[in-house]
Amino acid sequence: MELGLKGKNVLITGGSKGIGLACARAFKAEGARVAIVSRSQANLDAAKKSLGECYAIAADLIDPAAAAAMVEKVEKDFGLLDILVNSAGAARRTDAADLTPQAWHAAMDAKYFSYVYVIDPVVKKMAARGRGAIVNVIGQGGKVPSPIHLPGGAANAALMLATAGLANAYAAKGVRVVGVNPGNTRTDRVKEGLAADAKRQGISEDEALKRAVARIPLGRMAEPEEIADVVVFAASDRGRFMTGANITLDGSSSPTVV
């Protein structure tokens, strides 16, 4: 299927690892021009070796001024953005009994504001140009609470609402906004979460992994590339009527009607 992405300028936050890196590869395969953002220059350097030609920039997206400056620099040096994919930031897994007000605040910084601080300048620029697509890689934890991921899940839920609301607000201005909510996916972030879950239950990490996979009817976790496939379609004009949707990608682990 021709997705019409050749030559499009795509910015991917969190693009140096995991789902973000898989998205970068998928967009490049469609002929798009890709820019990636990470806090870590080392991770960016490694990603560039894997991806080949791409634009890479280091920025701490928890800082609103740094996020806005990053967007300005990307559009100046790389080109006006057609697509933004947010895949940066992850809240630390913490058992409910160990939570503090600071932990709740840190989760919103790490997951919610790291997205919002990039979305805010980009969506306004796209609206002024009358075109653009934003895809937020959020997480099923915003729909299905986990006792080790409550602050992060709350941040995810807030992002889902922001996604739906921004899609409604900017549809008439030619900007689409879509949320993609992966369940357990084979990434380092999920591995860290399984370690926290193993500690809470007093079991080995291998056992935690077995139990997590047992809850997935397909019998395995998603691969990052499978999430990226949906992101790329949602960002393309072929997915234009998906705007406002928050799409569950958990292999039917949570069989609900939404």
Protein backbone atom coordinates (compact mmCIF):
# COMPACT_ATOMS: atom_id res chain seq x y z
CA MET A 1 0.00 0.00 0.00
CA GLU A 2 1.40 3.39 -0.98
CA LEU A 3 1.20 5.65 2.07
CA GLY A 4 2.36 8.86 0.43
CA LEU A 5 5.13 9.52 2.94
CA LYS A 6 8.03 9.94 0.54
CA GLY A 7 9.86 13.19 1.26
CA LYS A 8 7.79 14.02 4.35
CA ASN A 9 9.64 15.51 7.32
CA VAL A 10 9.11 13.44 10.47
CA LEU A 11 10.27 14.32 14.00
CA ILE A 12 10.38 11.41 16.47
CA THR A 13 10.96 12.09 20.15
CA GLY A 14 12.53 9.16 21.96
CA GLY A 15 13.71 8.07 18.54
CA SER A 16 17.00 6.52 19.61
CA LYS A 17 15.62 3.34 21.22
CA GLY A 18 12.69 0.95 21.41
CA ILE A 19 9.44 1.87 19.69
CA GLY A 20 10.75 5.30 18.69
CA LEU A 21 13.71 3.78 16.86
CA ALA A 22 11.43 1.22 15.18
CA CYS A 23 9.24 4.13 14.02
CA ALA A 24 12.29 5.90 12.59
CA ARG A 25 13.20 2.79 10.59
CA ALA A 26 9.62 2.38 9.35
CA PHE A 27 9.31 5.99 8.19
CA LYS A 28 12.66 5.80 6.41
CA ALA A 29 11.49 2.63 4.66
CA GLU A 30 8.56 4.66 3.32
CA GLY A 31 10.92 7.31 1.95
CA ALA A 32 10.35 9.92 4.66
CA ARG A 33 13.07 12.19 6.03
CA VAL A 34 13.58 11.50 9.73
CA ALA A 35 14.77 13.57 12.68
CA ILE A 36 15.20 11.94 16.10
CA VAL A 37 15.44 13.41 19.59
CA SER A 38 16.87 11.94 22.80
CA ARG A 39 18.37 13.22 26.02
CA SER A 40 21.42 11.03 25.42
CA GLN A 41 23.94 11.94 22.76
CA ALA A 42 25.42 8.45 23.08
CA ASN A 43 22.05 6.88 22.28
CA LEU A 44 21.64 9.23 19.33
CA ASP A 45 25.05 8.30 17.98
CA ALA A 46 24.22 4.59 18.23
CA ALA A 47 20.85 5.14 16.55
CA LYS A 48 22.44 7.04 13.67
CA LYS A 49 24.78 4.12 13.00
CA SER A 50 21.74 1.86 12.83
CA LEU A 51 19.54 4.20 10.78
CA GLY A 52 21.97 5.76 8.38
CA GLU A 53 21.15 9.26 7.21
CA CYS A 54 18.98 11.15 9.69
CA TYR A 55 18.96 14.36 11.70
CA ALA A 56 19.65 13.90 15.42
CA ILE A 57 19.42 16.37 18.27
CA ALA A 58 19.83 16.03 22.04
CA ALA A 59 17.31 17.78 24.27
CA ASP A 60 15.73 17.37 27.71
CA LEU A 61 12.03 17.54 26.91
CA ILE A 62 11.02 17.89 30.56
CA ASP A 63 12.24 21.50 30.22
CA PRO A 64 9.64 23.52 28.28
CA ALA A 65 12.20 26.05 27.06
CA ALA A 66 14.52 23.30 25.86
CA ALA A 67 11.66 21.53 24.09
CA ALA A 68 10.56 24.71 22.32
CA ALA A 69 14.15 25.53 21.33
CA MET A 70 14.55 22.02 19.95
CA VAL A 71 11.47 22.43 17.75
CA GLU A 72 12.73 25.77 16.43
CA LYS A 73 16.16 24.34 15.63
CA VAL A 74 14.74 21.27 13.91
CA GLU A 75 12.47 23.35 11.69
CA LYS A 76 15.33 25.73 10.87
CA ASP A 77 18.02 23.11 10.17
CA PHE A 78 16.00 20.08 9.06
CA GLY A 79 12.82 21.50 7.56
CA LEU A 80 9.19 22.27 8.33
CA LEU A 81 7.54 19.34 10.07
CA ASP A 82 4.82 17.30 8.42
CA ILE A 83 4.62 14.64 11.16
CA LEU A 84 5.45 14.50 14.86
CA VAL A 85 5.70 11.17 16.68
CA ASN A 86 6.01 11.37 20.46
CA SER A 87 7.68 8.32 22.01
CA ALA A 88 9.92 9.89 24.66
CA GLY A 89 9.77 9.55 28.39
CA ALA A 90 8.70 6.81 30.74
CA ALA A 91 7.61 7.03 34.35
CA ARG A 92 9.56 5.01 36.89
CA ARG A 93 7.76 1.86 38.04
CA THR A 94 7.04 2.12 41.77
CA ASP A 95 4.94 -0.09 44.02
CA ALA A 96 1.82 1.66 45.29
CA ALA A 97 2.98 1.36 48.90
CA ASP A 98 6.19 3.22 48.08
CA LEU A 99 4.63 6.16 46.27
CA THR A 100 5.23 9.74 47.36
CA PRO A 101 3.91 13.08 46.06
CA GLN A 102 7.29 13.53 44.40
CA ALA A 103 6.88 10.23 42.53
CA TRP A 104 3.52 11.32 41.15
CA HIS A 105 4.97 14.65 40.05
CA ALA A 106 8.02 13.02 38.46
CA ALA A 107 5.78 10.70 36.44
CA MET A 108 3.86 13.62 34.97
CA ASP A 109 7.12 15.34 34.08
CA ALA A 110 8.60 12.20 32.52
CA LYS A 111 5.60 11.10 30.46
CA TYR A 112 2.95 13.84 30.18
CA PHE A 113 4.89 17.08 30.01
CA SER A 114 7.69 15.62 27.87
CA TYR A 115 4.98 15.16 25.22
CA VAL A 116 2.98 18.32 25.83
CA TYR A 117 6.00 20.62 25.71
CA VAL A 118 6.75 19.40 22.18
CA ILE A 119 3.15 19.16 21.01
CA ASP A 120 2.34 22.74 22.01
CA PRO A 121 4.69 24.55 19.60
CA VAL A 122 4.39 21.94 16.85
CA VAL A 123 0.58 21.78 16.70
CA LYS A 124 0.40 25.59 16.47
CA LYS A 125 2.94 25.67 13.64
CA MET A 126 1.10 22.91 11.80
CA ALA A 127 -2.23 24.72 12.23
CA ALA A 128 -0.75 27.91 10.82
CA ARG A 129 0.36 25.92 7.74
CA GLY A 130 -2.98 24.10 7.50
CA ARG A 131 -1.55 20.59 7.59
CA GLY A 132 0.18 18.04 9.81
CA ALA A 133 -0.18 14.86 11.81
CA ILE A 134 0.80 14.05 15.40
CA VAL A 135 0.92 10.49 16.72
CA ASN A 136 1.39 9.96 20.46
CA VAL A 137 2.76 6.58 21.55
CA ILE A 138 1.16 6.45 24.99
CA GLY A 139 0.51 3.09 26.64
CA GLN A 140 -2.26 0.79 27.77
CA GLY A 141 -1.39 1.62 31.37
CA GLY A 142 -3.61 4.67 30.95
CA LYS A 143 -6.64 2.37 30.56
CA VAL A 144 -5.74 -0.63 32.72
CA PRO A 145 -4.25 0.29 36.12
CA SER A 146 -1.20 -1.55 37.42
CA PRO A 147 -0.15 -1.37 41.10
CA ILE A 148 3.44 -0.68 40.03
CA HIS A 149 2.56 1.92 37.39
CA LEU A 150 -0.10 4.18 38.88
CA PRO A 151 1.59 7.57 38.37
CA GLY A 152 2.72 6.60 34.87
CA GLY A 153 -0.73 5.26 34.09
CA ALA A 154 -2.30 8.51 35.25
CA ALA A 155 0.06 10.42 32.94
CA ASN A 156 -0.92 8.10 30.09
CA ALA A 157 -4.61 8.68 30.76
CA ALA A 158 -4.06 12.43 30.70
CA LEU A 159 -2.27 12.10 27.36
CA MET A 160 -5.17 10.13 25.92
CA LEU A 161 -7.57 12.92 26.86
CA ALA A 162 -5.19 15.56 25.46
CA THR A 163 -4.91 13.55 22.24
CA ALA A 164 -8.67 13.35 21.75
CA GLY A 165 -9.19 16.98 22.73
CA LEU A 166 -6.46 18.37 20.49
CA ALA A 167 -7.72 16.29 17.58
CA ASN A 168 -11.15 17.85 17.98
CA ALA A 169 -9.77 21.36 18.41
CA TYR A 170 -7.44 21.27 15.40
CA ALA A 171 -9.29 19.08 12.89
CA ALA A 172 -10.75 22.06 11.05
CA LYS A 173 -7.25 23.52 10.75
CA GLY A 174 -5.89 20.50 8.94
CA VAL A 175 -4.04 18.86 11.83
CA ARG A 176 -4.68 15.27 12.89
CA VAL A 177 -3.82 13.82 16.32
CA VAL A 178 -3.87 10.08 17.12
CA GLY A 179 -2.92 8.05 20.18
CA VAL A 180 -1.41 4.56 20.04
CA ASN A 181 -1.49 2.53 23.25
CA PRO A 182 0.83 -0.47 23.26
CA GLY A 183 0.56 -3.21 25.84
CA ASN A 184 3.66 -5.18 26.78
CA THR A 185 6.20 -4.75 24.00
CA ARG A 186 9.70 -6.19 23.83
CA THR A 187 11.63 -3.09 24.88
CA ASP A 188 14.04 -2.11 27.63
CA ARG A 189 11.28 -0.10 29.32
CA VAL A 190 9.05 -3.12 29.66
CA LYS A 191 12.00 -5.15 30.92
CA GLU A 192 12.50 -2.57 33.69
CA GLY A 193 8.80 -2.80 34.54
CA LEU A 194 8.98 -6.58 34.81
CA ALA A 195 11.90 -6.24 37.22
CA ALA A 196 9.78 -3.96 39.42
CA ASP A 197 6.86 -6.38 39.23
CA ALA A 198 9.12 -9.31 40.15
CA LYS A 199 10.36 -7.42 43.20
CA ARG A 200 6.80 -6.60 44.32
CA GLN A 201 5.65 -10.21 44.02
CA GLY A 202 8.83 -11.78 45.37
CA ILE A 203 9.44 -13.82 42.23
CA SER A 204 12.23 -14.05 39.67
CA GLU A 205 12.29 -11.80 36.63
CA ASP A 206 11.97 -14.89 34.42
CA GLU A 207 8.80 -15.86 36.26
CA ALA A 208 7.44 -12.32 35.95
CA LEU A 209 8.05 -12.48 32.21
CA LYS A 210 6.29 -15.84 31.92
CA ARG A 211 3.26 -14.52 33.80
CA ALA A 212 3.14 -11.37 31.67
CA VAL A 213 3.24 -13.38 28.44
CA ALA A 214 0.62 -15.79 29.78
CA ARG A 215 -1.82 -12.86 30.01
CA ILE A 216 -1.46 -12.15 26.27
CA PRO A 217 -3.77 -14.34 24.18
CA LEU A 218 -1.32 -14.27 21.25
CA GLY A 219 1.25 -15.93 23.50
CA ARG A 220 3.98 -13.33 23.08
CA MET A 221 4.77 -9.67 23.54
CA ALA A 222 4.51 -7.23 20.66
CA GLU A 223 7.64 -6.36 18.72
CA PRO A 224 8.47 -2.64 18.44
CA GLU A 225 8.14 -2.91 14.68
CA GLU A 226 4.51 -4.01 15.02
CA ILE A 227 3.69 -0.85 16.95
CA ALA A 228 5.64 1.22 14.43
CA ASP A 229 3.54 -0.16 11.56
CA VAL A 230 0.39 1.30 13.13
CA VAL A 231 2.10 4.61 13.91
CA VAL A 232 3.23 5.02 10.30
CA PHE A 233 -0.24 4.23 8.92
CA ALA A 234 -1.91 6.60 11.40
CA ALA A 235 0.48 9.40 10.41
CA SER A 236 -0.17 8.90 6.70
CA ASP A 237 -3.07 10.34 4.73
CA ARG A 238 -4.42 6.78 4.48
CA GLY A 239 -5.17 7.05 8.21
CA ARG A 240 -6.68 10.51 8.07
CA PHE A 241 -10.06 9.52 9.53
CA MET A 242 -8.38 8.00 12.59
CA THR A 243 -7.87 11.45 14.08
CA GLY A 244 -8.99 11.61 17.72
CA ALA A 245 -8.68 7.84 18.19
CA ASN A 246 -6.72 6.22 21.00
CA ILE A 247 -5.87 2.82 19.58
CA THR A 248 -5.24 -0.18 21.84
CA LEU A 249 -2.44 -2.49 20.71
CA ASP A 250 -2.19 -5.13 23.42
CA GLY A 251 -2.91 -8.40 21.58
CA SER A 252 -6.38 -8.58 23.15
CA SER A 253 -4.97 -8.69 26.69
CA SER A 254 -7.78 -6.33 27.76
CA PRO A 255 -10.87 -7.52 25.85
CA THR A 256 -13.09 -4.47 26.28
CA VAL A 257 -15.34 -2.41 24.06
CA VAL A 258 -14.30 1.26 23.97
